[in-house]
mmCIF file of all heavy atoms, coordinates in Angstrom:
data_MODEL
# 
_entry.id   MODEL 
# 
loop_
_atom_site.group_PDB 
_atom_site.id 
_atom_site.type_symbol 
_atom_site.label_atom_id 
_atom_site.label_alt_id 
_atom_site.label_comp_id 
_atom_site.label_asym_id 
_atom_site.label_entity_id 
_atom_site.label_seq_id 
_atom_site.pdbx_PDB_ins_code 
_atom_site.Cartn_x 
_atom_site.Cartn_y 
_atom_site.Cartn_z 
_atom_site.occupancy 
_atom_site.B_iso_or_equiv 
_atom_site.pdbx_formal_charge 
_atom_site.auth_seq_id 
_atom_site.auth_comp_id 
_atom_site.auth_asym_id 
_atom_site.auth_atom_id 
_atom_site.pdbx_PDB_model_num 
ATOM 1   N N   . LEU A 1 1  ? -2.195 -5.149 -5.818  1.00 0.00 ? 1  LEU A N   1 
ATOM 2   C CA  . LEU A 1 1  ? -0.916 -4.995 -5.126  1.00 0.00 ? 1  LEU A CA  1 
ATOM 3   C C   . LEU A 1 1  ? -1.083 -5.156 -3.623  1.00 0.00 ? 1  LEU A C   1 
ATOM 4   O O   . LEU A 1 1  ? -1.913 -4.491 -3.005  1.00 0.00 ? 1  LEU A O   1 
ATOM 5   C CB  . LEU A 1 1  ? -0.343 -3.611 -5.444  1.00 0.00 ? 1  LEU A CB  1 
ATOM 6   C CG  . LEU A 1 1  ? 0.998  -3.253 -4.856  1.00 0.00 ? 1  LEU A CG  1 
ATOM 7   C CD1 . LEU A 1 1  ? 2.087  -4.219 -5.330  1.00 0.00 ? 1  LEU A CD1 1 
ATOM 8   C CD2 . LEU A 1 1  ? 1.364  -1.822 -5.238  1.00 0.00 ? 1  LEU A CD2 1 
ATOM 9   N N   . LEU A 1 2  ? -0.291 -6.034 -3.031  1.00 0.00 ? 2  LEU A N   1 
ATOM 10  C CA  . LEU A 1 2  ? -0.290 -6.290 -1.594  1.00 0.00 ? 2  LEU A CA  1 
ATOM 11  C C   . LEU A 1 2  ? 0.969  -5.679 -0.999  1.00 0.00 ? 2  LEU A C   1 
ATOM 12  O O   . LEU A 1 2  ? 2.079  -6.040 -1.386  1.00 0.00 ? 2  LEU A O   1 
ATOM 13  C CB  . LEU A 1 2  ? -0.347 -7.798 -1.335  1.00 0.00 ? 2  LEU A CB  1 
ATOM 14  C CG  . LEU A 1 2  ? -0.536 -8.280 0.087   1.00 0.00 ? 2  LEU A CG  1 
ATOM 15  C CD1 . LEU A 1 2  ? -1.776 -7.676 0.727   1.00 0.00 ? 2  LEU A CD1 1 
ATOM 16  C CD2 . LEU A 1 2  ? -0.625 -9.802 0.108   1.00 0.00 ? 2  LEU A CD2 1 
ATOM 17  N N   . LEU A 1 3  ? 0.786  -4.725 -0.067  1.00 0.00 ? 3  LEU A N   1 
ATOM 18  C CA  . LEU A 1 3  ? 1.893  -3.954 0.502   1.00 0.00 ? 3  LEU A CA  1 
ATOM 19  C C   . LEU A 1 3  ? 2.067  -4.204 1.986   1.00 0.00 ? 3  LEU A C   1 
ATOM 20  O O   . LEU A 1 3  ? 1.082  -4.449 2.694   1.00 0.00 ? 3  LEU A O   1 
ATOM 21  C CB  . LEU A 1 3  ? 1.605  -2.451 0.336   1.00 0.00 ? 3  LEU A CB  1 
ATOM 22  C CG  . LEU A 1 3  ? 1.312  -1.925 -1.042  1.00 0.00 ? 3  LEU A CG  1 
ATOM 23  C CD1 . LEU A 1 3  ? 0.634  -0.577 -0.957  1.00 0.00 ? 3  LEU A CD1 1 
ATOM 24  C CD2 . LEU A 1 3  ? 2.608  -1.825 -1.809  1.00 0.00 ? 3  LEU A CD2 1 
ATOM 25  N N   . THR A 1 4  ? 3.291  -4.074 2.458   1.00 0.00 ? 4  THR A N   1 
ATOM 26  C CA  . THR A 1 4  ? 3.518  -4.023 3.893   1.00 0.00 ? 4  THR A CA  1 
ATOM 27  C C   . THR A 1 4  ? 3.139  -2.625 4.375   1.00 0.00 ? 4  THR A C   1 
ATOM 28  O O   . THR A 1 4  ? 2.990  -1.694 3.566   1.00 0.00 ? 4  THR A O   1 
ATOM 29  C CB  . THR A 1 4  ? 4.995  -4.296 4.238   1.00 0.00 ? 4  THR A CB  1 
ATOM 30  O OG1 . THR A 1 4  ? 5.791  -3.242 3.692   1.00 0.00 ? 4  THR A OG1 1 
ATOM 31  C CG2 . THR A 1 4  ? 5.452  -5.652 3.718   1.00 0.00 ? 4  THR A CG2 1 
ATOM 32  N N   . LEU A 1 5  ? 3.001  -2.452 5.657   1.00 0.00 ? 5  LEU A N   1 
ATOM 33  C CA  . LEU A 1 5  ? 2.672  -1.133 6.194   1.00 0.00 ? 5  LEU A CA  1 
ATOM 34  C C   . LEU A 1 5  ? 3.779  -0.134 5.875   1.00 0.00 ? 5  LEU A C   1 
ATOM 35  O O   . LEU A 1 5  ? 3.504  1.013  5.506   1.00 0.00 ? 5  LEU A O   1 
ATOM 36  C CB  . LEU A 1 5  ? 2.435  -1.201 7.704   1.00 0.00 ? 5  LEU A CB  1 
ATOM 37  C CG  . LEU A 1 5  ? 2.059  0.104  8.376   1.00 0.00 ? 5  LEU A CG  1 
ATOM 38  C CD1 . LEU A 1 5  ? 0.793  0.697  7.774   1.00 0.00 ? 5  LEU A CD1 1 
ATOM 39  C CD2 . LEU A 1 5  ? 1.896  -0.093 9.870   1.00 0.00 ? 5  LEU A CD2 1 
ATOM 40  N N   . GLU A 1 6  ? 5.014  -0.571 5.958   1.00 0.00 ? 6  GLU A N   1 
ATOM 41  C CA  . GLU A 1 6  ? 6.149  0.310  5.645   1.00 0.00 ? 6  GLU A CA  1 
ATOM 42  C C   . GLU A 1 6  ? 6.098  0.756  4.184   1.00 0.00 ? 6  GLU A C   1 
ATOM 43  O O   . GLU A 1 6  ? 6.326  1.921  3.881   1.00 0.00 ? 6  GLU A O   1 
ATOM 44  C CB  . GLU A 1 6  ? 7.469  -0.419 5.950   1.00 0.00 ? 6  GLU A CB  1 
ATOM 45  C CG  . GLU A 1 6  ? 8.714  0.428  5.761   1.00 0.00 ? 6  GLU A CG  1 
ATOM 46  C CD  . GLU A 1 6  ? 9.271  0.355  4.335   1.00 0.00 ? 6  GLU A CD  1 
ATOM 47  O OE1 . GLU A 1 6  ? 9.216  -0.723 3.727   1.00 0.00 ? 6  GLU A OE1 1 
ATOM 48  O OE2 . GLU A 1 6  ? 9.753  1.399  3.847   1.00 0.00 ? 6  GLU A OE2 1 
ATOM 49  N N   . GLU A 1 7  ? 5.771  -0.157 3.273   1.00 0.00 ? 7  GLU A N   1 
ATOM 50  C CA  . GLU A 1 7  ? 5.658  0.201  1.856   1.00 0.00 ? 7  GLU A CA  1 
ATOM 51  C C   . GLU A 1 7  ? 4.501  1.174  1.633   1.00 0.00 ? 7  GLU A C   1 
ATOM 52  O O   . GLU A 1 7  ? 4.622  2.121  0.852   1.00 0.00 ? 7  GLU A O   1 
ATOM 53  C CB  . GLU A 1 7  ? 5.464  -1.054 1.000   1.00 0.00 ? 7  GLU A CB  1 
ATOM 54  C CG  . GLU A 1 7  ? 6.690  -1.927 0.915   1.00 0.00 ? 7  GLU A CG  1 
ATOM 55  C CD  . GLU A 1 7  ? 6.408  -3.285 0.314   1.00 0.00 ? 7  GLU A CD  1 
ATOM 56  O OE1 . GLU A 1 7  ? 5.257  -3.762 0.349   1.00 0.00 ? 7  GLU A OE1 1 
ATOM 57  O OE2 . GLU A 1 7  ? 7.376  -3.903 -0.197  1.00 0.00 ? 7  GLU A OE2 1 
ATOM 58  N N   . TRP A 1 8  ? 3.383  0.940  2.299   1.00 0.00 ? 8  TRP A N   1 
ATOM 59  C CA  . TRP A 1 8  ? 2.239  1.843  2.167   1.00 0.00 ? 8  TRP A CA  1 
ATOM 60  C C   . TRP A 1 8  ? 2.599  3.246  2.646   1.00 0.00 ? 8  TRP A C   1 
ATOM 61  O O   . TRP A 1 8  ? 2.299  4.235  1.981   1.00 0.00 ? 8  TRP A O   1 
ATOM 62  C CB  . TRP A 1 8  ? 1.035  1.312  2.935   1.00 0.00 ? 8  TRP A CB  1 
ATOM 63  C CG  . TRP A 1 8  ? -0.066 2.308  3.080   1.00 0.00 ? 8  TRP A CG  1 
ATOM 64  C CD1 . TRP A 1 8  ? -0.466 2.933  4.220   1.00 0.00 ? 8  TRP A CD1 1 
ATOM 65  C CD2 . TRP A 1 8  ? -0.895 2.825  2.040   1.00 0.00 ? 8  TRP A CD2 1 
ATOM 66  N NE1 . TRP A 1 8  ? -1.495 3.787  3.960   1.00 0.00 ? 8  TRP A NE1 1 
ATOM 67  C CE2 . TRP A 1 8  ? -1.786 3.752  2.624   1.00 0.00 ? 8  TRP A CE2 1 
ATOM 68  C CE3 . TRP A 1 8  ? -0.981 2.603  0.673   1.00 0.00 ? 8  TRP A CE3 1 
ATOM 69  C CZ2 . TRP A 1 8  ? -2.740 4.447  1.893   1.00 0.00 ? 8  TRP A CZ2 1 
ATOM 70  C CZ3 . TRP A 1 8  ? -1.932 3.294  -0.060  1.00 0.00 ? 8  TRP A CZ3 1 
ATOM 71  C CH2 . TRP A 1 8  ? -2.798 4.207  0.543   1.00 0.00 ? 8  TRP A CH2 1 
ATOM 72  N N   . GLU A 1 9  ? 3.255  3.342  3.798   1.00 0.00 ? 9  GLU A N   1 
ATOM 73  C CA  . GLU A 1 9  ? 3.624  4.652  4.332   1.00 0.00 ? 9  GLU A CA  1 
ATOM 74  C C   . GLU A 1 9  ? 4.597  5.379  3.404   1.00 0.00 ? 9  GLU A C   1 
ATOM 75  O O   . GLU A 1 9  ? 4.516  6.581  3.230   1.00 0.00 ? 9  GLU A O   1 
ATOM 76  C CB  . GLU A 1 9  ? 4.205  4.508  5.729   1.00 0.00 ? 9  GLU A CB  1 
ATOM 77  C CG  . GLU A 1 9  ? 3.150  4.122  6.766   1.00 0.00 ? 9  GLU A CG  1 
ATOM 78  C CD  . GLU A 1 9  ? 3.730  3.771  8.126   1.00 0.00 ? 9  GLU A CD  1 
ATOM 79  O OE1 . GLU A 1 9  ? 4.964  3.535  8.226   1.00 0.00 ? 9  GLU A OE1 1 
ATOM 80  O OE2 . GLU A 1 9  ? 2.949  3.703  9.085   1.00 0.00 ? 9  GLU A OE2 1 
ATOM 81  N N   . ARG A 1 10 ? 5.496  4.629  2.789   1.00 0.00 ? 10 ARG A N   1 
ATOM 82  C CA  . ARG A 1 10 ? 6.482  5.220  1.888   1.00 0.00 ? 10 ARG A CA  1 
ATOM 83  C C   . ARG A 1 10 ? 5.877  5.615  0.547   1.00 0.00 ? 10 ARG A C   1 
ATOM 84  O O   . ARG A 1 10 ? 6.229  6.628  -0.039  1.00 0.00 ? 10 ARG A O   1 
ATOM 85  C CB  . ARG A 1 10 ? 7.635  4.230  1.692   1.00 0.00 ? 10 ARG A CB  1 
ATOM 86  C CG  . ARG A 1 10 ? 8.771  4.713  0.817   1.00 0.00 ? 10 ARG A CG  1 
ATOM 87  C CD  . ARG A 1 10 ? 9.984  3.795  0.858   1.00 0.00 ? 10 ARG A CD  1 
ATOM 88  N NE  . ARG A 1 10 ? 9.699  2.383  0.926   1.00 0.00 ? 10 ARG A NE  1 
ATOM 89  C CZ  . ARG A 1 10 ? 9.677  1.563  -0.131  1.00 0.00 ? 10 ARG A CZ  1 
ATOM 90  N NH1 . ARG A 1 10 ? 9.914  2.028  -1.331  1.00 0.00 ? 10 ARG A NH1 1 
ATOM 91  N NH2 . ARG A 1 10 ? 9.417  0.289  0.025   1.00 0.00 ? 10 ARG A NH2 1 
ATOM 92  N N   . LEU A 1 11 ? 4.915  4.828  0.049   1.00 0.00 ? 11 LEU A N   1 
ATOM 93  C CA  . LEU A 1 11 ? 4.399  5.024  -1.303  1.00 0.00 ? 11 LEU A CA  1 
ATOM 94  C C   . LEU A 1 11 ? 2.961  5.552  -1.364  1.00 0.00 ? 11 LEU A C   1 
ATOM 95  O O   . LEU A 1 11 ? 2.418  5.712  -2.453  1.00 0.00 ? 11 LEU A O   1 
ATOM 96  C CB  . LEU A 1 11 ? 4.442  3.696  -2.067  1.00 0.00 ? 11 LEU A CB  1 
ATOM 97  C CG  . LEU A 1 11 ? 5.815  3.055  -2.226  1.00 0.00 ? 11 LEU A CG  1 
ATOM 98  C CD1 . LEU A 1 11 ? 5.674  1.655  -2.792  1.00 0.00 ? 11 LEU A CD1 1 
ATOM 99  C CD2 . LEU A 1 11 ? 6.685  3.916  -3.133  1.00 0.00 ? 11 LEU A CD2 1 
ATOM 100 N N   . ALA A 1 12 ? 2.356  5.827  -0.228  1.00 0.00 ? 12 ALA A N   1 
ATOM 101 C CA  . ALA A 1 12 ? 0.937  6.201  -0.204  1.00 0.00 ? 12 ALA A CA  1 
ATOM 102 C C   . ALA A 1 12 ? 0.612  7.346  -1.148  1.00 0.00 ? 12 ALA A C   1 
ATOM 103 O O   . ALA A 1 12 ? -0.393 7.313  -1.859  1.00 0.00 ? 12 ALA A O   1 
ATOM 104 C CB  . ALA A 1 12 ? 0.496  6.531  1.217   1.00 0.00 ? 12 ALA A CB  1 
ATOM 105 N N   . GLY A 1 13 ? 1.442  8.359  -1.175  1.00 0.00 ? 13 GLY A N   1 
ATOM 106 C CA  . GLY A 1 13 ? 1.179  9.497  -2.046  1.00 0.00 ? 13 GLY A CA  1 
ATOM 107 C C   . GLY A 1 13 ? 1.126  9.130  -3.514  1.00 0.00 ? 13 GLY A C   1 
ATOM 108 O O   . GLY A 1 13 ? 0.252  9.579  -4.257  1.00 0.00 ? 13 GLY A O   1 
ATOM 109 N N   . SER A 1 14 ? 2.029  8.270  -3.943  1.00 0.00 ? 14 SER A N   1 
ATOM 110 C CA  . SER A 1 14 ? 2.057  7.890  -5.353  1.00 0.00 ? 14 SER A CA  1 
ATOM 111 C C   . SER A 1 14 ? 1.021  6.815  -5.690  1.00 0.00 ? 14 SER A C   1 
ATOM 112 O O   . SER A 1 14 ? 0.713  6.610  -6.855  1.00 0.00 ? 14 SER A O   1 
ATOM 113 C CB  . SER A 1 14 ? 3.454  7.414  -5.745  1.00 0.00 ? 14 SER A CB  1 
ATOM 114 O OG  . SER A 1 14 ? 3.817  6.287  -4.989  1.00 0.00 ? 14 SER A OG  1 
ATOM 115 N N   . LEU A 1 15 ? 0.459  6.145  -4.672  1.00 0.00 ? 15 LEU A N   1 
ATOM 116 C CA  . LEU A 1 15 ? -0.523 5.094  -4.934  1.00 0.00 ? 15 LEU A CA  1 
ATOM 117 C C   . LEU A 1 15 ? -1.966 5.567  -4.805  1.00 0.00 ? 15 LEU A C   1 
ATOM 118 O O   . LEU A 1 15 ? -2.885 4.794  -5.012  1.00 0.00 ? 15 LEU A O   1 
ATOM 119 C CB  . LEU A 1 15 ? -0.294 3.920  -3.967  1.00 0.00 ? 15 LEU A CB  1 
ATOM 120 C CG  . LEU A 1 15 ? 0.974  3.118  -4.206  1.00 0.00 ? 15 LEU A CG  1 
ATOM 121 C CD1 . LEU A 1 15 ? 1.168  2.099  -3.094  1.00 0.00 ? 15 LEU A CD1 1 
ATOM 122 C CD2 . LEU A 1 15 ? 0.922  2.431  -5.552  1.00 0.00 ? 15 LEU A CD2 1 
ATOM 123 N N   . ARG A 1 16 ? -2.169 6.823  -4.486  1.00 0.00 ? 16 ARG A N   1 
ATOM 124 C CA  . ARG A 1 16 ? -3.544 7.338  -4.335  1.00 0.00 ? 16 ARG A CA  1 
ATOM 125 C C   . ARG A 1 16 ? -4.351 7.169  -5.619  1.00 0.00 ? 16 ARG A C   1 
ATOM 126 O O   . ARG A 1 16 ? -5.555 7.037  -5.579  1.00 0.00 ? 16 ARG A O   1 
ATOM 127 C CB  . ARG A 1 16 ? -3.521 8.807  -3.927  1.00 0.00 ? 16 ARG A CB  1 
ATOM 128 C CG  . ARG A 1 16 ? -2.870 9.082  -2.610  1.00 0.00 ? 16 ARG A CG  1 
ATOM 129 C CD  . ARG A 1 16 ? -3.832 8.894  -1.483  1.00 0.00 ? 16 ARG A CD  1 
ATOM 130 N NE  . ARG A 1 16 ? -3.139 9.243  -0.234  1.00 0.00 ? 16 ARG A NE  1 
ATOM 131 C CZ  . ARG A 1 16 ? -3.402 8.697  0.909   1.00 0.00 ? 16 ARG A CZ  1 
ATOM 132 N NH1 . ARG A 1 16 ? -4.353 7.813  1.002   1.00 0.00 ? 16 ARG A NH1 1 
ATOM 133 N NH2 . ARG A 1 16 ? -2.738 9.040  1.983   1.00 0.00 ? 16 ARG A NH2 1 
ATOM 134 N N   . HIS A 1 17 ? -3.696 7.155  -6.762  1.00 0.00 ? 17 HIS A N   1 
ATOM 135 C CA  . HIS A 1 17 ? -4.388 7.019  -8.042  1.00 0.00 ? 17 HIS A CA  1 
ATOM 136 C C   . HIS A 1 17 ? -4.107 5.670  -8.708  1.00 0.00 ? 17 HIS A C   1 
ATOM 137 O O   . HIS A 1 17 ? -4.278 5.535  -9.917  1.00 0.00 ? 17 HIS A O   1 
ATOM 138 C CB  . HIS A 1 17 ? -3.998 8.177  -8.970  1.00 0.00 ? 17 HIS A CB  1 
ATOM 139 C CG  . HIS A 1 17 ? -4.326 9.507  -8.378  1.00 0.00 ? 17 HIS A CG  1 
ATOM 140 N ND1 . HIS A 1 17 ? -5.621 9.947  -8.225  1.00 0.00 ? 17 HIS A ND1 1 
ATOM 141 C CD2 . HIS A 1 17 ? -3.537 10.473 -7.861  1.00 0.00 ? 17 HIS A CD2 1 
ATOM 142 C CE1 . HIS A 1 17 ? -5.609 11.139 -7.654  1.00 0.00 ? 17 HIS A CE1 1 
ATOM 143 N NE2 . HIS A 1 17 ? -4.360 11.475 -7.427  1.00 0.00 ? 17 HIS A NE2 1 
ATOM 144 N N   . TRP A 1 18 ? -3.673 4.693  -7.926  1.00 0.00 ? 18 TRP A N   1 
ATOM 145 C CA  . TRP A 1 18 ? -3.412 3.345  -8.429  1.00 0.00 ? 18 TRP A CA  1 
ATOM 146 C C   . TRP A 1 18 ? -4.726 2.780  -8.964  1.00 0.00 ? 18 TRP A C   1 
ATOM 147 O O   . TRP A 1 18 ? -5.753 2.849  -8.284  1.00 0.00 ? 18 TRP A O   1 
ATOM 148 C CB  . TRP A 1 18 ? -2.864 2.493  -7.283  1.00 0.00 ? 18 TRP A CB  1 
ATOM 149 C CG  . TRP A 1 18 ? -2.452 1.109  -7.643  1.00 0.00 ? 18 TRP A CG  1 
ATOM 150 C CD1 . TRP A 1 18 ? -3.148 -0.039 -7.386  1.00 0.00 ? 18 TRP A CD1 1 
ATOM 151 C CD2 . TRP A 1 18 ? -1.250 0.697  -8.291  1.00 0.00 ? 18 TRP A CD2 1 
ATOM 152 N NE1 . TRP A 1 18 ? -2.461 -1.130 -7.837  1.00 0.00 ? 18 TRP A NE1 1 
ATOM 153 C CE2 . TRP A 1 18 ? -1.287 -0.708 -8.400  1.00 0.00 ? 18 TRP A CE2 1 
ATOM 154 C CE3 . TRP A 1 18 ? -0.156 1.382  -8.806  1.00 0.00 ? 18 TRP A CE3 1 
ATOM 155 C CZ2 . TRP A 1 18 ? -0.275 -1.440 -8.989  1.00 0.00 ? 18 TRP A CZ2 1 
ATOM 156 C CZ3 . TRP A 1 18 ? 0.861  0.641  -9.386  1.00 0.00 ? 18 TRP A CZ3 1 
ATOM 157 C CH2 . TRP A 1 18 ? 0.802  -0.743 -9.476  1.00 0.00 ? 18 TRP A CH2 1 
ATOM 158 N N   . ASP A 1 19 ? -4.718 2.207  -10.159 1.00 0.00 ? 19 ASP A N   1 
ATOM 159 C CA  . ASP A 1 19 ? -5.962 1.765  -10.784 1.00 0.00 ? 19 ASP A CA  1 
ATOM 160 C C   . ASP A 1 19 ? -6.299 0.297  -10.517 1.00 0.00 ? 19 ASP A C   1 
ATOM 161 O O   . ASP A 1 19 ? -7.233 -0.236 -11.094 1.00 0.00 ? 19 ASP A O   1 
ATOM 162 C CB  . ASP A 1 19 ? -5.940 2.040  -12.286 1.00 0.00 ? 19 ASP A CB  1 
ATOM 163 C CG  . ASP A 1 19 ? -4.874 1.236  -13.016 1.00 0.00 ? 19 ASP A CG  1 
ATOM 164 O OD1 . ASP A 1 19 ? -4.015 0.643  -12.343 1.00 0.00 ? 19 ASP A OD1 1 
ATOM 165 O OD2 . ASP A 1 19 ? -4.913 1.205  -14.252 1.00 0.00 ? 19 ASP A OD2 1 
ATOM 166 N N   . GLN A 1 20 ? -5.545 -0.354 -9.655  1.00 0.00 ? 20 GLN A N   1 
ATOM 167 C CA  . GLN A 1 20 ? -5.795 -1.741 -9.284  1.00 0.00 ? 20 GLN A CA  1 
ATOM 168 C C   . GLN A 1 20 ? -6.097 -1.801 -7.778  1.00 0.00 ? 20 GLN A C   1 
ATOM 169 O O   . GLN A 1 20 ? -5.757 -0.887 -7.036  1.00 0.00 ? 20 GLN A O   1 
ATOM 170 C CB  . GLN A 1 20 ? -4.566 -2.602 -9.599  1.00 0.00 ? 20 GLN A CB  1 
ATOM 171 C CG  . GLN A 1 20 ? -4.271 -2.737 -11.069 1.00 0.00 ? 20 GLN A CG  1 
ATOM 172 C CD  . GLN A 1 20 ? -5.350 -3.511 -11.786 1.00 0.00 ? 20 GLN A CD  1 
ATOM 173 O OE1 . GLN A 1 20 ? -5.827 -4.539 -11.325 1.00 0.00 ? 20 GLN A OE1 1 
ATOM 174 N NE2 . GLN A 1 20 ? -5.768 -2.992 -12.944 1.00 0.00 ? 20 GLN A NE2 1 
ATOM 175 N N   . PRO A 1 21 ? -6.728 -2.895 -7.327  1.00 0.00 ? 21 PRO A N   1 
ATOM 176 C CA  . PRO A 1 21 ? -6.989 -3.024 -5.890  1.00 0.00 ? 21 PRO A CA  1 
ATOM 177 C C   . PRO A 1 21 ? -5.691 -3.008 -5.079  1.00 0.00 ? 21 PRO A C   1 
ATOM 178 O O   . PRO A 1 21 ? -4.648 -3.476 -5.540  1.00 0.00 ? 21 PRO A O   1 
ATOM 179 C CB  . PRO A 1 21 ? -7.679 -4.378 -5.780  1.00 0.00 ? 21 PRO A CB  1 
ATOM 180 C CG  . PRO A 1 21 ? -8.254 -4.634 -7.130  1.00 0.00 ? 21 PRO A CG  1 
ATOM 181 C CD  . PRO A 1 21 ? -7.295 -3.992 -8.099  1.00 0.00 ? 21 PRO A CD  1 
ATOM 182 N N   . LEU A 1 22 ? -5.796 -2.462 -3.876  1.00 0.00 ? 22 LEU A N   1 
ATOM 183 C CA  . LEU A 1 22 ? -4.662 -2.423 -2.958  1.00 0.00 ? 22 LEU A CA  1 
ATOM 184 C C   . LEU A 1 22 ? -4.951 -3.285 -1.739  1.00 0.00 ? 22 LEU A C   1 
ATOM 185 O O   . LEU A 1 22 ? -6.087 -3.327 -1.250  1.00 0.00 ? 22 LEU A O   1 
ATOM 186 C CB  . LEU A 1 22 ? -4.392 -0.989 -2.490  1.00 0.00 ? 22 LEU A CB  1 
ATOM 187 C CG  . LEU A 1 22 ? -3.800 -0.030 -3.503  1.00 0.00 ? 22 LEU A CG  1 
ATOM 188 C CD1 . LEU A 1 22 ? -3.762 1.383  -2.940  1.00 0.00 ? 22 LEU A CD1 1 
ATOM 189 C CD2 . LEU A 1 22 ? -2.404 -0.485 -3.910  1.00 0.00 ? 22 LEU A CD2 1 
ATOM 190 N N   . GLY A 1 23 ? -3.917 -3.945 -1.256  1.00 0.00 ? 23 GLY A N   1 
ATOM 191 C CA  . GLY A 1 23 ? -4.011 -4.746 -0.046  1.00 0.00 ? 23 GLY A CA  1 
ATOM 192 C C   . GLY A 1 23 ? -2.895 -4.364 0.912   1.00 0.00 ? 23 GLY A C   1 
ATOM 193 O O   . GLY A 1 23 ? -1.883 -3.793 0.512   1.00 0.00 ? 23 GLY A O   1 
ATOM 194 N N   . LEU A 1 24 ? -3.094 -4.663 2.183   1.00 0.00 ? 24 LEU A N   1 
ATOM 195 C CA  . LEU A 1 24 ? -2.142 -4.294 3.226   1.00 0.00 ? 24 LEU A CA  1 
ATOM 196 C C   . LEU A 1 24 ? -1.835 -5.505 4.094   1.00 0.00 ? 24 LEU A C   1 
ATOM 197 O O   . LEU A 1 24 ? -2.735 -6.257 4.464   1.00 0.00 ? 24 LEU A O   1 
ATOM 198 C CB  . LEU A 1 24 ? -2.740 -3.176 4.089   1.00 0.00 ? 24 LEU A CB  1 
ATOM 199 C CG  . LEU A 1 24 ? -1.881 -2.621 5.200   1.00 0.00 ? 24 LEU A CG  1 
ATOM 200 C CD1 . LEU A 1 24 ? -0.666 -1.893 4.622   1.00 0.00 ? 24 LEU A CD1 1 
ATOM 201 C CD2 . LEU A 1 24 ? -2.692 -1.673 6.068   1.00 0.00 ? 24 LEU A CD2 1 
ATOM 202 N N   . ILE A 1 25 ? -0.548 -5.693 4.415   1.00 0.00 ? 25 ILE A N   1 
ATOM 203 C CA  . ILE A 1 25 ? -0.111 -6.758 5.311   1.00 0.00 ? 25 ILE A CA  1 
ATOM 204 C C   . ILE A 1 25 ? 0.176  -6.143 6.673   1.00 0.00 ? 25 ILE A C   1 
ATOM 205 O O   . ILE A 1 25 ? 0.950  -5.187 6.776   1.00 0.00 ? 25 ILE A O   1 
ATOM 206 C CB  . ILE A 1 25 ? 1.170  -7.446 4.790   1.00 0.00 ? 25 ILE A CB  1 
ATOM 207 C CG1 . ILE A 1 25 ? 0.935  -8.034 3.415   1.00 0.00 ? 25 ILE A CG1 1 
ATOM 208 C CG2 . ILE A 1 25 ? 1.651  -8.498 5.779   1.00 0.00 ? 25 ILE A CG2 1 
ATOM 209 C CD1 . ILE A 1 25 ? 2.205  -8.514 2.724   1.00 0.00 ? 25 ILE A CD1 1 
ATOM 210 N N   . LEU A 1 26 ? -0.439 -6.685 7.713   1.00 0.00 ? 26 LEU A N   1 
ATOM 211 C CA  . LEU A 1 26 ? -0.190 -6.234 9.084   1.00 0.00 ? 26 LEU A CA  1 
ATOM 212 C C   . LEU A 1 26 ? 0.382  -7.389 9.892   1.00 0.00 ? 26 LEU A C   1 
ATOM 213 O O   . LEU A 1 26 ? -0.067 -8.529 9.757   1.00 0.00 ? 26 LEU A O   1 
ATOM 214 C CB  . LEU A 1 26 ? -1.481 -5.734 9.736   1.00 0.00 ? 26 LEU A CB  1 
ATOM 215 C CG  . LEU A 1 26 ? -2.149 -4.539 9.074   1.00 0.00 ? 26 LEU A CG  1 
ATOM 216 C CD1 . LEU A 1 26 ? -3.464 -4.213 9.766   1.00 0.00 ? 26 LEU A CD1 1 
ATOM 217 C CD2 . LEU A 1 26 ? -1.222 -3.338 9.073   1.00 0.00 ? 26 LEU A CD2 1 
ATOM 218 N N   . THR A 1 27 ? 1.360  -7.078 10.747  1.00 0.00 ? 27 THR A N   1 
ATOM 219 C CA  . THR A 1 27 ? 2.047  -8.120 11.506  1.00 0.00 ? 27 THR A CA  1 
ATOM 220 C C   . THR A 1 27 ? 1.467  -8.372 12.886  1.00 0.00 ? 27 THR A C   1 
ATOM 221 O O   . THR A 1 27 ? 1.792  -9.357 13.510  1.00 0.00 ? 27 THR A O   1 
ATOM 222 C CB  . THR A 1 27 ? 3.532  -7.764 11.683  1.00 0.00 ? 27 THR A CB  1 
ATOM 223 O OG1 . THR A 1 27 ? 3.619  -6.583 12.466  1.00 0.00 ? 27 THR A OG1 1 
ATOM 224 C CG2 . THR A 1 27 ? 4.217  -7.589 10.350  1.00 0.00 ? 27 THR A CG2 1 
ATOM 225 N N   . GLY A 1 28 ? 0.635  -7.504 13.379  1.00 0.00 ? 28 GLY A N   1 
ATOM 226 C CA  . GLY A 1 28 ? 0.079  -7.668 14.723  1.00 0.00 ? 28 GLY A CA  1 
ATOM 227 C C   . GLY A 1 28 ? 0.593  -6.627 15.682  1.00 0.00 ? 28 GLY A C   1 
ATOM 228 O O   . GLY A 1 28 ? -0.024 -6.347 16.698  1.00 0.00 ? 28 GLY A O   1 
# 
């Protein structure tokens, strides 16, 4: 799963136990 920073901040708690690799998109 590839997330924006906003998505990560919103969903971080529920994704702590995500069983697939996580990715992050940063805009600069």
